C-alpha atoms as a PDB file:
ATOM      1  CA  MET A   1       0.000   0.000   0.000  1.00  0.00           C
ATOM      2  CA  THR A   2       1.321   3.461  -0.866  1.00  0.00           C
ATOM      3  CA  VAL A   3       0.476   7.041   0.012  1.00  0.00           C
ATOM      4  CA  LYS A   4       0.654   9.845  -2.544  1.00  0.00           C
ATOM      5  CA  ILE A   5       2.662  12.849  -1.388  1.00  0.00           C
ATOM      6  CA  TYR A   6       2.423  16.215  -3.125  1.00  0.00           C
ATOM      7  CA  PHE A   7       5.404  18.525  -2.647  1.00  0.00           C
ATOM      8  CA  ARG A   8       3.603  21.757  -3.515  1.00  0.00           C
ATOM      9  CA  ASP A   9       6.681  23.951  -3.994  1.00  0.00           C
ATOM     10  CA  GLU A  10       8.122  21.531  -6.542  1.00  0.00           C
ATOM     11  CA  ASP A  11       4.702  20.710  -8.069  1.00  0.00           C
ATOM     12  CA  LYS A  12       5.680  17.073  -7.759  1.00  0.00           C
ATOM     13  CA  TRP A  13       3.706  13.951  -6.773  1.00  0.00           C
ATOM     14  CA  LEU A  14       5.649  11.080  -5.229  1.00  0.00           C
ATOM     15  CA  GLU A  15       4.686   7.819  -3.538  1.00  0.00           C
ATOM     16  CA  GLY A  16       5.733   6.570  -0.134  1.00  0.00           C
ATOM     17  CA  LYS A  17       5.100   3.373   1.755  1.00  0.00           C
ATOM     18  CA  PRO A  18       4.530   2.711   5.456  1.00  0.00           C
ATOM     19  CA  GLY A  19       7.675   3.434   7.456  1.00  0.00           C
ATOM     20  CA  ASP A  20       9.083   5.905   4.916  1.00  0.00           C
ATOM     21  CA  SER A  21       9.797   9.390   6.244  1.00  0.00           C
ATOM     22  CA  LEU A  22       8.841  12.461   4.255  1.00  0.00           C
ATOM     23  CA  LEU A  23      12.577  13.164   3.965  1.00  0.00           C
ATOM     24  CA  ASP A  24      13.241   9.713   2.464  1.00  0.00           C
ATOM     25  CA  VAL A  25      10.442  10.156  -0.073  1.00  0.00           C
ATOM     26  CA  ALA A  26      11.619  13.660  -0.989  1.00  0.00           C
ATOM     27  CA  LEU A  27      15.252  12.687  -1.500  1.00  0.00           C
ATOM     28  CA  ASP A  28      14.400   9.490  -3.412  1.00  0.00           C
ATOM     29  CA  GLY A  29      12.127  11.550  -5.669  1.00  0.00           C
ATOM     30  CA  GLY A  30      14.625  14.309  -6.415  1.00  0.00           C
ATOM     31  CA  VAL A  31      13.083  16.978  -4.166  1.00  0.00           C
ATOM     32  CA  ASP A  32      15.756  19.308  -2.768  1.00  0.00           C
ATOM     33  CA  LEU A  33      15.092  19.286   0.978  1.00  0.00           C
ATOM     34  CA  GLU A  34      17.814  20.440   3.393  1.00  0.00           C
ATOM     35  CA  HIS A  35      18.833  17.895   6.033  1.00  0.00           C
ATOM     36  CA  ALA A  36      22.039  19.085   7.673  1.00  0.00           C
ATOM     37  CA  CYS A  37      22.074  16.420  10.394  1.00  0.00           C
ATOM     38  CA  GLY A  38      21.462  13.553   7.986  1.00  0.00           C
ATOM     39  CA  GLY A  39      17.955  12.869   9.276  1.00  0.00           C
ATOM     40  CA  PHE A  40      18.822  12.162  12.918  1.00  0.00           C
ATOM     41  CA  CYS A  41      16.553  14.761  14.599  1.00  0.00           C
ATOM     42  CA  ALA A  42      19.459  17.037  15.529  1.00  0.00           C
ATOM     43  CA  CYS A  43      18.522  20.187  13.561  1.00  0.00           C
ATOM     44  CA  SER A  44      15.505  21.909  12.042  1.00  0.00           C
ATOM     45  CA  THR A  45      16.660  22.198   8.428  1.00  0.00           C
ATOM     46  CA  CYS A  46      14.084  19.675   7.161  1.00  0.00           C
ATOM     47  CA  HIS A  47      11.185  21.658   8.697  1.00  0.00           C
ATOM     48  CA  VAL A  48       8.087  21.320   6.522  1.00  0.00           C
ATOM     49  CA  ARG A  49       4.439  22.272   6.787  1.00  0.00           C
ATOM     50  CA  VAL A  50       2.008  19.394   6.342  1.00  0.00           C
ATOM     51  CA  GLU A  51      -1.007  21.051   4.712  1.00  0.00           C
ATOM     52  CA  LYS A  52      -3.035  17.872   4.268  1.00  0.00           C
ATOM     53  CA  GLY A  53      -2.801  14.305   5.573  1.00  0.00           C
ATOM     54  CA  MET A  54      -1.217  14.844   9.011  1.00  0.00           C
ATOM     55  CA  GLU A  55      -3.273  11.875  10.276  1.00  0.00           C
ATOM     56  CA  LEU A  56      -1.306   9.579   7.939  1.00  0.00           C
ATOM     57  CA  LEU A  57       1.964  10.375   9.731  1.00  0.00           C
ATOM     58  CA  SER A  58       3.557   9.251  12.987  1.00  0.00           C
ATOM     59  CA  GLU A  59       3.024  11.273  16.153  1.00  0.00           C
ATOM     60  CA  MET A  60       5.530  13.983  17.024  1.00  0.00           C
ATOM     61  CA  GLU A  61       7.972  13.052  19.796  1.00  0.00           C
ATOM     62  CA  GLU A  62       9.557  15.399  22.340  1.00  0.00           C
ATOM     63  CA  CYS A  63      12.918  15.810  20.553  1.00  0.00           C
ATOM     64  CA  GLU A  64      11.098  16.869  17.381  1.00  0.00           C
ATOM     65  CA  GLU A  65       8.870  19.286  19.327  1.00  0.00           C
ATOM     66  CA  ASP A  66      11.959  20.952  20.807  1.00  0.00           C
ATOM     67  CA  LEU A  67      13.523  21.471  17.374  1.00  0.00           C
ATOM     68  CA  ILE A  68      10.270  22.691  15.814  1.00  0.00           C
ATOM     69  CA  ASP A  69      10.229  25.384  18.515  1.00  0.00           C
ATOM     70  CA  GLU A  70      13.549  26.635  17.036  1.00  0.00           C
ATOM     71  CA  ALA A  71      12.304  26.672  13.440  1.00  0.00           C
ATOM     72  CA  ARG A  72      11.212  29.992  11.957  1.00  0.00           C
ATOM     73  CA  ASP A  73       7.495  30.514  11.498  1.00  0.00           C
ATOM     74  CA  SER A  74       6.576  27.126  12.959  1.00  0.00           C
ATOM     75  CA  GLY A  75       2.910  26.368  13.421  1.00  0.00           C
ATOM     76  CA  LEU A  76       0.486  23.613  14.317  1.00  0.00           C
ATOM     77  CA  ASN A  77       1.151  21.867  10.995  1.00  0.00           C
ATOM     78  CA  SER A  78       4.963  22.026  11.285  1.00  0.00           C
ATOM     79  CA  ARG A  79       6.961  18.801  11.271  1.00  0.00           C
ATOM     80  CA  LEU A  80      10.516  17.658  10.685  1.00  0.00           C
ATOM     81  CA  ALA A  81      10.477  15.646   7.472  1.00  0.00           C
ATOM     82  CA  CYS A  82      13.031  13.184   8.885  1.00  0.00           C
ATOM     83  CA  GLN A  83      10.713  12.307  11.793  1.00  0.00           C
ATOM     84  CA  SER A  84       7.390  12.254   9.905  1.00  0.00           C
ATOM     85  CA  LYS A  85       6.892   8.605   8.978  1.00  0.00           C
ATOM     86  CA  ILE A  86       3.984   7.144   7.053  1.00  0.00           C
ATOM     87  CA  LEU A  87       1.871   4.994   9.361  1.00  0.00           C
ATOM     88  CA  PRO A  88       1.194   1.288   8.710  1.00  0.00           C
ATOM     89  CA  GLY A  89      -2.062   0.853   6.796  1.00  0.00           C
ATOM     90  CA  ALA A  90      -2.146   4.538   5.800  1.00  0.00           C
ATOM     91  CA  SER A  91      -4.041   5.358   2.647  1.00  0.00           C
ATOM     92  CA  GLY A  92      -4.643   8.736   1.046  1.00  0.00           C
ATOM     93  CA  GLU A  93      -2.730  11.881   0.181  1.00  0.00           C
ATOM     94  CA  ILE A  94      -0.301  14.142   1.996  1.00  0.00           C
ATOM     95  CA  GLN A  95       0.437  17.697   0.879  1.00  0.00           C
ATOM     96  CA  VAL A  96       3.718  19.287   1.965  1.00  0.00           C
ATOM     97  CA  HIS A  97       5.062  22.844   1.776  1.00  0.00           C
ATOM     98  CA  ILE A  98       8.827  23.365   2.190  1.00  0.00           C
ATOM     99  CA  PRO A  99       9.626  26.806   3.654  1.00  0.00           C
ATOM    100  CA  SER A 100      12.342  28.535   1.647  1.00  0.00           C
ATOM    101  CA  TRP A 101      14.189  29.823   4.742  1.00  0.00           C
ATOM    102  CA  ASN A 102      14.771  26.731   6.882  1.00  0.00           C
ATOM    103  CA  ILE A 103      17.474  27.260   9.507  1.00  0.00           C
ATOM    104  CA  ASN A 104      20.362  24.977  10.338  1.00  0.00           C
ATOM    105  CA  ALA A 105      19.999  24.611  14.111  1.00  0.00           C
ATOM    106  CA  VAL A 106      22.891  22.158  14.536  1.00  0.00           C
ATOM    107  CA  LYS A 107      24.971  23.426  17.443  1.00  0.00           C
ATOM    108  CA  GLU A 108      28.725  23.745  16.941  1.00  0.00           C
ATOM    109  CA  GLU A 109      30.850  22.462  19.785  1.00  0.00           C
ATOM    110  CA  GLY A 110      33.851  24.566  20.669  1.00  0.00           C
END
């Protein structure tokens, strides 16, 4: 079973399967989505806005909530693409907007 994902800014439809993150789907489909930490929930560069289909994605965990708080212009539909995984048995469509000003919140150690 697959879920259709529309990356609005790229005007591109892609398909994902249960367990895939939005970041995985984007990168596999040629969508340019920043991911400075490599998808390990250590920055906010893959911040996206899920405009439709939030119920098809995994729940947000505390580490993601903390990083979303650091993202510019975050809102109730904000998620980190690396942490937003398609749920088992999900069916339908997800629409995603990628903000053009995502911030790299990886902290440098000195």
